[in-house]
């Protein structure tokens, strides 16, 4: 079995906190410069970074599924704030689905030891019992992917240990992700815009 190098939990927490602070600082700077409150400033900022920005955003969203160093909802909010409801949702959808498939393939290649370290022993112990019944696991997996509060990033790792085919897994992800992504993207972006209007 291929061995992998895993960061201790305290380092993962530290990285997550640091990345969250970077996003908070970026949001504060963007607000002060009017990027989040002025359509003209927003378009000017997007024009300055060009095509690289949406491509980089999709890549970050994909990596975020595999290496959750930020709360997943943060990326969804930024997608809608920067590119609007439809395009932001689409970019979120592409990135998160790509990351989910990436996590599944990593799990299938690296095996149980890798998944247990990546998801944590508590999560693995709670959900791995469903792997004993393949049909039950597929049903539970499909249902939880539809739910916006489910730990679906970790479930993608767990699915890699099951006998579910890549084709079926991909179909569940493509059909199940839109609802959760939509709720995160639109709901939290409304909250963020409300905060900006109160501050302004």
N, C-alpha and C. Protein backbone atom coordinates (compact mmCIF):
# COMPACT_ATOMS: atom_id res chain seq x y z
N UNK A 1 0.84 -1.20 0.00
CA UNK A 1 0.00 0.00 0.00
C UNK A 1 0.88 1.25 0.00
N UNK A 2 0.51 2.23 -0.80
CA UNK A 2 1.28 3.46 -0.88
C UNK A 2 1.15 4.26 0.41
N UNK A 3 2.27 4.70 0.93
CA UNK A 3 2.26 5.50 2.15
C UNK A 3 2.15 6.97 1.78
N UNK A 4 1.52 7.73 2.64
CA UNK A 4 1.37 9.16 2.41
C UNK A 4 1.82 9.93 3.64
N UNK A 5 2.30 11.14 3.39
CA UNK A 5 2.73 12.00 4.49
C UNK A 5 1.55 12.85 4.93
N UNK A 6 1.20 12.75 6.20
CA UNK A 6 0.06 13.49 6.72
C UNK A 6 0.51 14.52 7.75
N UNK A 7 -0.06 15.70 7.69
CA UNK A 7 0.24 16.72 8.68
C UNK A 7 -0.48 16.41 9.98
N UNK A 8 0.16 16.67 11.14
CA UNK A 8 -0.54 16.52 12.41
C UNK A 8 -1.76 17.42 12.46
N UNK A 9 -2.74 17.02 13.27
CA UNK A 9 -4.01 17.75 13.34
C UNK A 9 -3.80 19.22 13.72
N UNK A 10 -2.85 19.49 14.63
CA UNK A 10 -2.65 20.87 15.08
C UNK A 10 -2.15 21.76 13.94
N UNK A 11 -1.36 21.18 13.02
CA UNK A 11 -0.88 21.95 11.87
C UNK A 11 -2.00 22.20 10.88
N UNK A 12 -2.86 21.19 10.68
CA UNK A 12 -4.01 21.37 9.80
C UNK A 12 -4.91 22.50 10.32
N UNK A 13 -5.14 22.50 11.63
CA UNK A 13 -5.96 23.55 12.24
C UNK A 13 -5.31 24.91 12.06
N UNK A 14 -3.99 24.96 12.26
CA UNK A 14 -3.26 26.22 12.11
C UNK A 14 -3.34 26.74 10.68
N UNK A 15 -3.19 25.85 9.70
CA UNK A 15 -3.28 26.25 8.29
C UNK A 15 -4.67 26.76 7.97
N UNK A 16 -5.69 26.07 8.49
CA UNK A 16 -7.07 26.49 8.24
C UNK A 16 -7.35 27.87 8.82
N UNK A 17 -6.86 28.12 10.03
CA UNK A 17 -7.05 29.43 10.67
C UNK A 17 -6.32 30.51 9.87
N UNK A 18 -5.08 30.20 9.45
CA UNK A 18 -4.29 31.18 8.69
C UNK A 18 -4.96 31.53 7.37
N UNK A 19 -5.45 30.51 6.66
CA UNK A 19 -6.12 30.76 5.37
C UNK A 19 -7.41 31.54 5.56
N UNK A 20 -8.13 31.23 6.63
CA UNK A 20 -9.37 31.97 6.91
C UNK A 20 -9.06 33.45 7.19
N UNK A 21 -7.98 33.71 7.93
CA UNK A 21 -7.58 35.09 8.21
C UNK A 21 -7.21 35.82 6.92
N UNK A 22 -6.53 35.13 6.01
CA UNK A 22 -6.16 35.73 4.72
C UNK A 22 -7.42 36.17 3.97
N UNK A 23 -8.45 35.30 3.96
CA UNK A 23 -9.69 35.63 3.28
C UNK A 23 -10.41 36.79 3.96
N UNK A 24 -10.37 36.82 5.30
CA UNK A 24 -10.99 37.92 6.03
C UNK A 24 -10.29 39.24 5.70
N UNK A 25 -8.96 39.22 5.69
CA UNK A 25 -8.19 40.42 5.36
C UNK A 25 -8.47 40.86 3.93
N UNK A 26 -8.51 39.88 3.02
CA UNK A 26 -8.80 40.19 1.62
C UNK A 26 -10.18 40.83 1.48
N UNK A 27 -11.16 40.29 2.21
CA UNK A 27 -12.51 40.85 2.17
C UNK A 27 -12.53 42.28 2.68
N UNK A 28 -11.80 42.53 3.77
CA UNK A 28 -11.75 43.88 4.34
C UNK A 28 -11.11 44.87 3.36
N UNK A 29 -10.02 44.44 2.72
CA UNK A 29 -9.35 45.31 1.74
C UNK A 29 -10.27 45.57 0.54
N UNK A 30 -10.90 44.49 0.08
CA UNK A 30 -11.82 44.63 -1.05
C UNK A 30 -12.97 45.55 -0.75
N UNK A 31 -13.47 45.48 0.48
CA UNK A 31 -14.57 46.37 0.88
C UNK A 31 -14.12 47.82 0.91
N UNK A 32 -12.93 48.06 1.48
CA UNK A 32 -12.41 49.43 1.58
C UNK A 32 -12.18 50.04 0.20
N UNK A 33 -11.82 49.20 -0.77
CA UNK A 33 -11.57 49.68 -2.13
C UNK A 33 -12.83 49.70 -2.98
N UNK A 34 -13.95 49.27 -2.40
CA UNK A 34 -15.22 49.33 -3.11
C UNK A 34 -15.48 48.19 -4.07
N UNK A 35 -14.64 47.15 -4.02
CA UNK A 35 -14.80 46.03 -4.94
C UNK A 35 -16.12 45.30 -4.72
N UNK A 36 -16.54 45.20 -3.45
CA UNK A 36 -17.75 44.45 -3.13
C UNK A 36 -19.01 45.33 -3.09
N UNK A 37 -18.83 46.63 -3.20
CA UNK A 37 -19.99 47.53 -3.07
C UNK A 37 -20.24 48.35 -4.33
N UNK A 38 -19.33 48.28 -5.29
CA UNK A 38 -19.48 49.05 -6.53
C UNK A 38 -19.33 48.10 -7.72
N UNK A 39 -20.34 48.07 -8.59
CA UNK A 39 -20.29 47.23 -9.77
C UNK A 39 -19.14 47.64 -10.68
N UNK A 40 -18.91 48.95 -10.79
CA UNK A 40 -17.84 49.44 -11.65
C UNK A 40 -16.47 49.00 -11.13
N UNK A 41 -16.27 49.11 -9.81
CA UNK A 41 -15.01 48.68 -9.21
C UNK A 41 -14.82 47.16 -9.36
N UNK A 42 -15.91 46.43 -9.20
CA UNK A 42 -15.85 44.98 -9.35
C UNK A 42 -15.42 44.60 -10.77
N UNK A 43 -16.04 45.23 -11.77
CA UNK A 43 -15.70 44.94 -13.16
C UNK A 43 -14.28 45.37 -13.49
N UNK A 44 -13.83 46.48 -12.91
CA UNK A 44 -12.46 46.94 -13.11
C UNK A 44 -11.46 45.93 -12.55
N UNK A 45 -11.79 45.40 -11.34
CA UNK A 45 -10.91 44.41 -10.72
C UNK A 45 -10.85 43.13 -11.54
N UNK A 46 -12.01 42.66 -12.02
CA UNK A 46 -12.05 41.44 -12.83
C UNK A 46 -11.28 41.62 -14.13
N UNK A 47 -11.40 42.82 -14.72
CA UNK A 47 -10.67 43.09 -15.96
C UNK A 47 -9.17 43.09 -15.77
N UNK A 48 -8.73 43.49 -14.58
CA UNK A 48 -7.29 43.56 -14.32
C UNK A 48 -6.66 42.18 -14.17
N UNK A 49 -7.44 41.20 -13.74
CA UNK A 49 -6.88 39.85 -13.56
C UNK A 49 -7.21 38.94 -14.75
N UNK A 50 -8.19 39.30 -15.57
CA UNK A 50 -8.48 38.57 -16.79
C UNK A 50 -9.01 37.17 -16.56
N UNK A 51 -8.72 36.28 -17.52
CA UNK A 51 -9.24 34.91 -17.51
C UNK A 51 -8.63 34.08 -16.38
N UNK A 52 -7.48 34.52 -15.88
CA UNK A 52 -6.80 33.75 -14.84
C UNK A 52 -7.65 33.63 -13.58
N UNK A 53 -8.42 34.64 -13.26
CA UNK A 53 -9.19 34.66 -12.01
C UNK A 53 -10.20 33.52 -11.92
N UNK A 54 -11.11 33.34 -12.90
CA UNK A 54 -12.06 32.23 -12.77
C UNK A 54 -11.40 30.86 -12.81
N UNK A 55 -10.33 30.72 -13.61
CA UNK A 55 -9.63 29.43 -13.66
C UNK A 55 -8.97 29.12 -12.32
N UNK A 56 -8.34 30.14 -11.73
CA UNK A 56 -7.71 29.96 -10.43
C UNK A 56 -8.75 29.64 -9.36
N UNK A 57 -9.90 30.30 -9.45
CA UNK A 57 -10.97 30.06 -8.48
C UNK A 57 -11.48 28.63 -8.57
N UNK A 58 -11.69 28.12 -9.77
CA UNK A 58 -12.14 26.73 -9.95
C UNK A 58 -11.11 25.76 -9.36
N UNK A 59 -9.83 26.05 -9.60
CA UNK A 59 -8.76 25.20 -9.07
C UNK A 59 -8.77 25.22 -7.54
N UNK A 60 -8.92 26.40 -6.95
CA UNK A 60 -8.95 26.52 -5.48
C UNK A 60 -10.14 25.75 -4.91
N UNK A 61 -11.29 25.84 -5.56
CA UNK A 61 -12.47 25.12 -5.10
C UNK A 61 -12.24 23.61 -5.16
N UNK A 62 -11.56 23.14 -6.20
CA UNK A 62 -11.27 21.71 -6.32
C UNK A 62 -10.30 21.26 -5.22
N UNK A 63 -9.26 22.04 -5.01
CA UNK A 63 -8.27 21.71 -3.98
C UNK A 63 -8.91 21.73 -2.60
N UNK A 64 -9.85 22.66 -2.40
CA UNK A 64 -10.52 22.81 -1.11
C UNK A 64 -11.27 21.54 -0.71
N UNK A 65 -11.77 20.79 -1.68
CA UNK A 65 -12.45 19.53 -1.37
C UNK A 65 -11.44 18.49 -0.90
N UNK A 66 -10.29 18.43 -1.59
CA UNK A 66 -9.27 17.43 -1.28
C UNK A 66 -8.52 17.78 0.00
N UNK A 67 -8.18 19.06 0.15
CA UNK A 67 -7.46 19.54 1.33
C UNK A 67 -8.28 20.66 1.96
N UNK A 68 -9.21 20.33 2.83
CA UNK A 68 -10.12 21.35 3.39
C UNK A 68 -9.41 22.28 4.36
N UNK A 69 -8.75 23.31 3.79
CA UNK A 69 -8.02 24.27 4.62
C UNK A 69 -8.85 25.52 4.87
N UNK A 70 -10.06 25.55 4.33
CA UNK A 70 -10.98 26.67 4.54
C UNK A 70 -12.40 26.11 4.68
N UNK A 71 -13.26 26.78 5.43
CA UNK A 71 -14.67 26.39 5.41
C UNK A 71 -15.19 26.44 3.99
N UNK A 72 -15.79 25.34 3.51
CA UNK A 72 -16.19 25.25 2.12
C UNK A 72 -17.14 26.34 1.67
N UNK A 73 -17.97 26.85 2.58
CA UNK A 73 -18.95 27.86 2.21
C UNK A 73 -18.30 29.18 1.79
N UNK A 74 -17.09 29.45 2.27
CA UNK A 74 -16.42 30.71 1.94
C UNK A 74 -16.23 30.83 0.44
N UNK A 75 -15.73 29.76 -0.18
CA UNK A 75 -15.51 29.79 -1.63
C UNK A 75 -16.80 30.00 -2.39
N UNK A 76 -17.87 29.37 -1.95
CA UNK A 76 -19.16 29.51 -2.62
C UNK A 76 -19.63 30.96 -2.61
N UNK A 77 -19.44 31.62 -1.49
CA UNK A 77 -19.85 33.02 -1.37
C UNK A 77 -19.04 33.89 -2.32
N UNK A 78 -17.74 33.71 -2.34
CA UNK A 78 -16.89 34.53 -3.20
C UNK A 78 -17.22 34.32 -4.67
N UNK A 79 -17.57 33.09 -5.04
CA UNK A 79 -17.92 32.83 -6.43
C UNK A 79 -19.09 33.69 -6.89
N UNK A 80 -20.13 33.77 -6.05
CA UNK A 80 -21.32 34.54 -6.41
C UNK A 80 -21.04 36.04 -6.32
N UNK A 81 -20.28 36.46 -5.31
CA UNK A 81 -19.99 37.89 -5.13
C UNK A 81 -19.19 38.42 -6.31
N UNK A 82 -18.22 37.66 -6.79
CA UNK A 82 -17.35 38.13 -7.87
C UNK A 82 -17.97 37.99 -9.25
N UNK A 83 -18.69 36.89 -9.49
CA UNK A 83 -19.15 36.62 -10.85
C UNK A 83 -20.67 36.60 -11.01
N UNK A 84 -21.38 36.91 -9.96
CA UNK A 84 -22.83 36.94 -10.08
C UNK A 84 -23.46 35.58 -9.81
N UNK A 85 -24.78 35.56 -9.78
CA UNK A 85 -25.51 34.36 -9.37
C UNK A 85 -25.25 33.17 -10.28
N UNK A 86 -25.42 33.35 -11.59
CA UNK A 86 -25.32 32.20 -12.49
C UNK A 86 -23.88 31.76 -12.70
N UNK A 87 -23.01 32.68 -13.11
CA UNK A 87 -21.63 32.31 -13.39
C UNK A 87 -20.91 31.87 -12.12
N UNK A 88 -21.20 32.54 -11.00
CA UNK A 88 -20.59 32.15 -9.73
C UNK A 88 -21.00 30.75 -9.33
N UNK A 89 -22.29 30.45 -9.47
CA UNK A 89 -22.77 29.10 -9.18
C UNK A 89 -22.09 28.08 -10.08
N UNK A 90 -21.96 28.40 -11.38
CA UNK A 90 -21.35 27.47 -12.33
C UNK A 90 -19.89 27.19 -11.99
N UNK A 91 -19.14 28.23 -11.64
CA UNK A 91 -17.74 28.05 -11.27
C UNK A 91 -17.61 27.23 -9.99
N UNK A 92 -18.47 27.52 -9.02
CA UNK A 92 -18.48 26.72 -7.79
C UNK A 92 -18.76 25.25 -8.10
N UNK A 93 -19.75 25.03 -8.94
CA UNK A 93 -20.18 23.67 -9.30
C UNK A 93 -19.05 22.89 -9.97
N UNK A 94 -18.40 23.52 -10.95
CA UNK A 94 -17.31 22.84 -11.67
C UNK A 94 -16.17 22.50 -10.72
N UNK A 95 -15.76 23.48 -9.91
CA UNK A 95 -14.63 23.25 -9.01
C UNK A 95 -14.91 22.20 -7.96
N UNK A 96 -16.09 22.26 -7.34
CA UNK A 96 -16.42 21.32 -6.26
C UNK A 96 -16.62 19.91 -6.81
N UNK A 97 -17.26 19.78 -7.96
CA UNK A 97 -17.44 18.45 -8.57
C UNK A 97 -16.10 17.85 -8.96
N UNK A 98 -15.23 18.67 -9.53
CA UNK A 98 -13.89 18.19 -9.91
C UNK A 98 -13.11 17.74 -8.68
N UNK A 99 -13.20 18.52 -7.60
CA UNK A 99 -12.52 18.15 -6.37
C UNK A 99 -13.07 16.88 -5.75
N UNK A 100 -14.38 16.69 -5.85
CA UNK A 100 -15.02 15.48 -5.30
C UNK A 100 -14.52 14.23 -6.03
N UNK A 101 -14.44 14.32 -7.35
CA UNK A 101 -13.94 13.18 -8.14
C UNK A 101 -12.46 12.94 -7.84
N UNK A 102 -11.73 14.01 -7.67
CA UNK A 102 -10.31 13.92 -7.32
C UNK A 102 -10.13 13.19 -5.98
N UNK A 103 -10.92 13.56 -4.99
CA UNK A 103 -10.85 12.92 -3.67
C UNK A 103 -11.20 11.43 -3.77
N UNK A 104 -12.20 11.11 -4.56
CA UNK A 104 -12.61 9.72 -4.77
C UNK A 104 -11.47 8.90 -5.38
N UNK A 105 -10.84 9.44 -6.41
CA UNK A 105 -9.75 8.72 -7.07
C UNK A 105 -8.53 8.57 -6.16
N UNK A 106 -8.24 9.60 -5.38
CA UNK A 106 -7.14 9.50 -4.42
C UNK A 106 -7.40 8.39 -3.41
N UNK A 107 -8.62 8.35 -2.90
CA UNK A 107 -9.00 7.33 -1.92
C UNK A 107 -8.87 5.93 -2.51
N UNK A 108 -9.34 5.77 -3.73
CA UNK A 108 -9.29 4.46 -4.37
C UNK A 108 -7.85 4.00 -4.60
N UNK A 109 -6.96 4.94 -4.88
CA UNK A 109 -5.57 4.60 -5.12
C UNK A 109 -4.79 4.38 -3.83
N UNK A 110 -5.03 5.22 -2.82
CA UNK A 110 -4.21 5.21 -1.62
C UNK A 110 -4.69 4.22 -0.56
N UNK A 111 -5.98 3.95 -0.50
CA UNK A 111 -6.47 2.94 0.42
C UNK A 111 -6.96 3.46 1.76
N UNK A 112 -7.34 2.50 2.62
CA UNK A 112 -8.02 2.81 3.88
C UNK A 112 -7.17 3.64 4.83
N UNK A 113 -5.88 3.32 4.94
CA UNK A 113 -5.02 4.06 5.86
C UNK A 113 -4.99 5.54 5.53
N UNK A 114 -4.89 5.84 4.27
CA UNK A 114 -4.88 7.23 3.82
C UNK A 114 -6.20 7.93 4.15
N UNK A 115 -7.32 7.24 3.87
CA UNK A 115 -8.64 7.83 4.11
C UNK A 115 -8.85 8.08 5.59
N UNK A 116 -8.44 7.14 6.42
CA UNK A 116 -8.62 7.29 7.87
C UNK A 116 -7.83 8.49 8.39
N UNK A 117 -6.65 8.72 7.85
CA UNK A 117 -5.86 9.87 8.26
C UNK A 117 -6.43 11.16 7.70
N UNK A 118 -6.91 11.11 6.45
CA UNK A 118 -7.42 12.31 5.81
C UNK A 118 -8.74 12.79 6.43
N UNK A 119 -9.60 11.86 6.82
CA UNK A 119 -10.91 12.23 7.34
C UNK A 119 -10.94 12.33 8.86
N UNK A 120 -9.98 11.68 9.52
CA UNK A 120 -9.98 11.66 10.98
C UNK A 120 -10.62 10.38 11.49
N UNK A 121 -10.10 9.87 12.57
CA UNK A 121 -10.57 8.58 13.09
C UNK A 121 -12.02 8.66 13.57
N UNK A 122 -12.44 9.82 14.08
CA UNK A 122 -13.81 9.96 14.58
C UNK A 122 -14.82 9.82 13.44
N UNK A 123 -14.59 10.56 12.36
CA UNK A 123 -15.48 10.47 11.21
C UNK A 123 -15.44 9.08 10.60
N UNK A 124 -14.23 8.56 10.43
CA UNK A 124 -14.08 7.25 9.80
C UNK A 124 -14.80 6.17 10.61
N UNK A 125 -14.66 6.23 11.92
CA UNK A 125 -15.33 5.25 12.77
C UNK A 125 -16.84 5.36 12.71
N UNK A 126 -17.34 6.59 12.52
CA UNK A 126 -18.79 6.81 12.50
C UNK A 126 -19.43 6.31 11.21
N UNK A 127 -18.76 6.53 10.07
CA UNK A 127 -19.37 6.26 8.79
C UNK A 127 -18.87 5.00 8.08
N UNK A 128 -17.69 4.50 8.45
CA UNK A 128 -17.13 3.35 7.73
C UNK A 128 -17.97 2.09 7.89
N UNK A 129 -18.79 2.00 8.94
CA UNK A 129 -19.63 0.83 9.13
C UNK A 129 -20.61 0.63 7.98
N UNK A 130 -20.96 1.72 7.29
CA UNK A 130 -21.90 1.61 6.17
C UNK A 130 -21.26 0.92 4.96
N UNK A 131 -19.94 0.81 4.95
CA UNK A 131 -19.27 0.14 3.85
C UNK A 131 -19.54 -1.36 3.85
N UNK A 132 -19.99 -1.89 4.98
CA UNK A 132 -20.25 -3.33 5.09
C UNK A 132 -21.42 -3.74 4.20
N UNK A 133 -22.32 -2.83 3.93
CA UNK A 133 -23.46 -3.10 3.06
C UNK A 133 -23.39 -2.14 1.88
N UNK A 134 -22.95 -2.63 0.73
CA UNK A 134 -22.68 -1.76 -0.41
C UNK A 134 -23.93 -1.02 -0.89
N UNK A 135 -25.06 -1.72 -1.00
CA UNK A 135 -26.28 -1.08 -1.47
C UNK A 135 -26.76 0.00 -0.50
N UNK A 136 -26.64 -0.31 0.80
CA UNK A 136 -27.02 0.67 1.81
C UNK A 136 -26.11 1.88 1.73
N UNK A 137 -24.81 1.66 1.55
CA UNK A 137 -23.87 2.78 1.48
C UNK A 137 -24.19 3.67 0.29
N UNK A 138 -24.48 3.09 -0.87
CA UNK A 138 -24.77 3.90 -2.05
C UNK A 138 -26.01 4.76 -1.85
N UNK A 139 -27.02 4.20 -1.20
CA UNK A 139 -28.24 4.98 -0.93
C UNK A 139 -27.95 6.12 0.04
N UNK A 140 -27.25 5.80 1.13
CA UNK A 140 -26.93 6.81 2.13
C UNK A 140 -26.04 7.90 1.53
N UNK A 141 -25.06 7.49 0.73
CA UNK A 141 -24.15 8.44 0.09
C UNK A 141 -24.93 9.39 -0.82
N UNK A 142 -25.82 8.83 -1.65
CA UNK A 142 -26.59 9.65 -2.58
C UNK A 142 -27.47 10.65 -1.83
N UNK A 143 -28.10 10.21 -0.75
CA UNK A 143 -28.98 11.09 0.03
C UNK A 143 -28.17 12.21 0.68
N UNK A 144 -27.02 11.86 1.27
CA UNK A 144 -26.24 12.85 2.00
C UNK A 144 -25.59 13.87 1.08
N UNK A 145 -25.27 13.46 -0.15
CA UNK A 145 -24.71 14.41 -1.11
C UNK A 145 -25.73 15.51 -1.43
N UNK A 146 -27.01 15.17 -1.40
CA UNK A 146 -28.06 16.15 -1.66
C UNK A 146 -28.20 17.15 -0.51
N UNK A 147 -27.81 16.75 0.71
CA UNK A 147 -28.03 17.59 1.88
C UNK A 147 -26.93 18.64 2.01
N UNK A 148 -27.28 19.91 2.21
CA UNK A 148 -26.26 20.96 2.29
C UNK A 148 -25.40 20.91 3.54
N UNK A 149 -25.85 20.21 4.59
CA UNK A 149 -25.09 20.19 5.84
C UNK A 149 -24.27 18.92 6.02
N UNK A 150 -24.31 18.02 5.04
CA UNK A 150 -23.59 16.76 5.16
C UNK A 150 -22.09 16.97 4.94
N UNK A 151 -21.24 16.15 5.57
CA UNK A 151 -19.79 16.25 5.36
C UNK A 151 -19.39 15.58 4.05
N UNK A 152 -19.89 16.10 2.92
CA UNK A 152 -19.75 15.39 1.66
C UNK A 152 -18.31 15.29 1.15
N UNK A 153 -17.43 16.24 1.53
CA UNK A 153 -16.04 16.12 1.12
C UNK A 153 -15.43 14.83 1.66
N UNK A 154 -15.65 14.57 2.94
CA UNK A 154 -15.14 13.35 3.56
C UNK A 154 -15.85 12.11 3.03
N UNK A 155 -17.13 12.25 2.73
CA UNK A 155 -17.89 11.12 2.19
C UNK A 155 -17.33 10.69 0.83
N UNK A 156 -16.79 11.64 0.06
CA UNK A 156 -16.18 11.30 -1.23
C UNK A 156 -14.96 10.42 -1.02
N UNK A 157 -14.19 10.72 0.01
CA UNK A 157 -13.05 9.86 0.36
C UNK A 157 -13.55 8.46 0.73
N UNK A 158 -14.58 8.41 1.55
CA UNK A 158 -15.11 7.13 2.00
C UNK A 158 -15.66 6.32 0.82
N UNK A 159 -16.30 6.99 -0.13
CA UNK A 159 -16.85 6.31 -1.30
C UNK A 159 -15.76 5.62 -2.11
N UNK A 160 -14.55 6.18 -2.07
CA UNK A 160 -13.45 5.56 -2.80
C UNK A 160 -13.08 4.19 -2.27
N UNK A 161 -13.45 3.90 -1.03
CA UNK A 161 -13.17 2.58 -0.44
C UNK A 161 -14.29 1.58 -0.73
N UNK A 162 -15.40 2.07 -1.22
CA UNK A 162 -16.53 1.18 -1.52
C UNK A 162 -16.36 0.58 -2.91
N UNK A 163 -17.35 -0.21 -3.31
CA UNK A 163 -17.30 -0.83 -4.64
C UNK A 163 -18.08 -0.02 -5.68
N UNK A 164 -18.54 1.15 -5.30
CA UNK A 164 -19.27 1.99 -6.24
C UNK A 164 -18.36 2.34 -7.42
N UNK A 165 -18.91 2.29 -8.61
CA UNK A 165 -18.11 2.59 -9.81
C UNK A 165 -17.87 4.09 -9.92
N UNK A 166 -16.82 4.45 -10.63
CA UNK A 166 -16.52 5.87 -10.86
C UNK A 166 -17.67 6.53 -11.61
N UNK A 167 -18.26 5.79 -12.54
CA UNK A 167 -19.37 6.35 -13.32
C UNK A 167 -20.57 6.68 -12.44
N UNK A 168 -20.94 5.75 -11.55
CA UNK A 168 -22.08 5.99 -10.68
C UNK A 168 -21.77 7.09 -9.68
N UNK A 169 -20.56 7.07 -9.13
CA UNK A 169 -20.14 8.12 -8.20
C UNK A 169 -20.24 9.49 -8.85
N UNK A 170 -19.70 9.60 -10.07
CA UNK A 170 -19.72 10.88 -10.78
C UNK A 170 -21.15 11.34 -11.03
N UNK A 171 -22.02 10.42 -11.40
CA UNK A 171 -23.42 10.77 -11.66
C UNK A 171 -24.09 11.31 -10.39
N UNK A 172 -23.84 10.66 -9.26
CA UNK A 172 -24.41 11.12 -7.99
C UNK A 172 -23.90 12.52 -7.65
N UNK A 173 -22.61 12.74 -7.85
CA UNK A 173 -22.02 14.05 -7.56
C UNK A 173 -22.62 15.13 -8.46
N UNK A 174 -22.69 14.85 -9.75
CA UNK A 174 -23.19 15.84 -10.70
C UNK A 174 -24.66 16.19 -10.46
N UNK A 175 -25.45 15.20 -10.04
CA UNK A 175 -26.86 15.44 -9.80
C UNK A 175 -27.15 15.94 -8.39
N UNK A 176 -26.30 15.53 -7.43
CA UNK A 176 -26.57 15.84 -6.03
C UNK A 176 -25.98 17.15 -5.54
N UNK A 177 -24.93 17.63 -6.16
CA UNK A 177 -24.24 18.83 -5.68
C UNK A 177 -24.97 20.16 -5.90
N UNK A 178 -25.71 20.30 -7.01
CA UNK A 178 -26.27 21.64 -7.29
C UNK A 178 -27.09 22.26 -6.17
N UNK A 179 -27.93 21.48 -5.50
CA UNK A 179 -28.79 22.04 -4.46
C UNK A 179 -27.97 22.63 -3.32
N UNK A 180 -27.03 21.85 -2.80
CA UNK A 180 -26.22 22.33 -1.68
C UNK A 180 -25.39 23.54 -2.08
N UNK A 181 -24.79 23.50 -3.28
CA UNK A 181 -23.97 24.62 -3.74
C UNK A 181 -24.83 25.87 -3.92
N UNK A 182 -26.03 25.69 -4.46
CA UNK A 182 -26.94 26.83 -4.66
C UNK A 182 -27.31 27.46 -3.32
N UNK A 183 -27.65 26.63 -2.34
CA UNK A 183 -28.07 27.16 -1.04
C UNK A 183 -26.92 27.89 -0.36
N UNK A 184 -25.72 27.31 -0.41
CA UNK A 184 -24.56 27.97 0.18
C UNK A 184 -24.25 29.27 -0.56
N UNK A 185 -24.21 29.18 -1.89
CA UNK A 185 -23.80 30.32 -2.71
C UNK A 185 -24.74 31.50 -2.52
N UNK A 186 -26.04 31.25 -2.69
CA UNK A 186 -27.00 32.34 -2.66
C UNK A 186 -27.31 32.80 -1.23
N UNK A 187 -27.51 31.84 -0.33
CA UNK A 187 -27.87 32.19 1.04
C UNK A 187 -26.79 32.99 1.74
N UNK A 188 -25.57 32.52 1.70
CA UNK A 188 -24.49 33.20 2.41
C UNK A 188 -24.07 34.49 1.72
N UNK A 189 -24.19 34.54 0.40
CA UNK A 189 -23.87 35.79 -0.28
C UNK A 189 -24.86 36.90 0.09
N UNK A 190 -26.13 36.53 0.31
CA UNK A 190 -27.12 37.51 0.77
C UNK A 190 -26.76 38.03 2.16
N UNK A 191 -26.29 37.12 3.01
CA UNK A 191 -25.86 37.53 4.35
C UNK A 191 -24.69 38.49 4.26
N UNK A 192 -23.72 38.16 3.40
CA UNK A 192 -22.54 39.01 3.25
C UNK A 192 -22.91 40.39 2.70
N UNK A 193 -23.79 40.41 1.71
CA UNK A 193 -24.23 41.68 1.15
C UNK A 193 -24.99 42.50 2.19
N UNK A 194 -25.77 41.81 3.04
CA UNK A 194 -26.47 42.50 4.11
C UNK A 194 -25.52 43.14 5.09
N UNK A 195 -24.44 42.44 5.40
CA UNK A 195 -23.42 43.00 6.30
C UNK A 195 -22.76 44.22 5.70
N UNK A 196 -22.44 44.14 4.39
CA UNK A 196 -21.82 45.28 3.72
C UNK A 196 -22.74 46.50 3.74
N UNK A 197 -24.06 46.26 3.53
CA UNK A 197 -24.99 47.39 3.51
C UNK A 197 -25.14 48.01 4.90
N UNK A 198 -25.05 47.17 5.94
CA UNK A 198 -25.13 47.70 7.30
C UNK A 198 -23.89 48.52 7.64
N UNK A 199 -22.72 48.01 7.22
CA UNK A 199 -21.48 48.71 7.50
C UNK A 199 -21.43 50.03 6.74
N UNK A 200 -21.93 49.94 5.45
CA UNK A 200 -21.89 51.14 4.60
C UNK A 200 -22.87 52.19 5.10
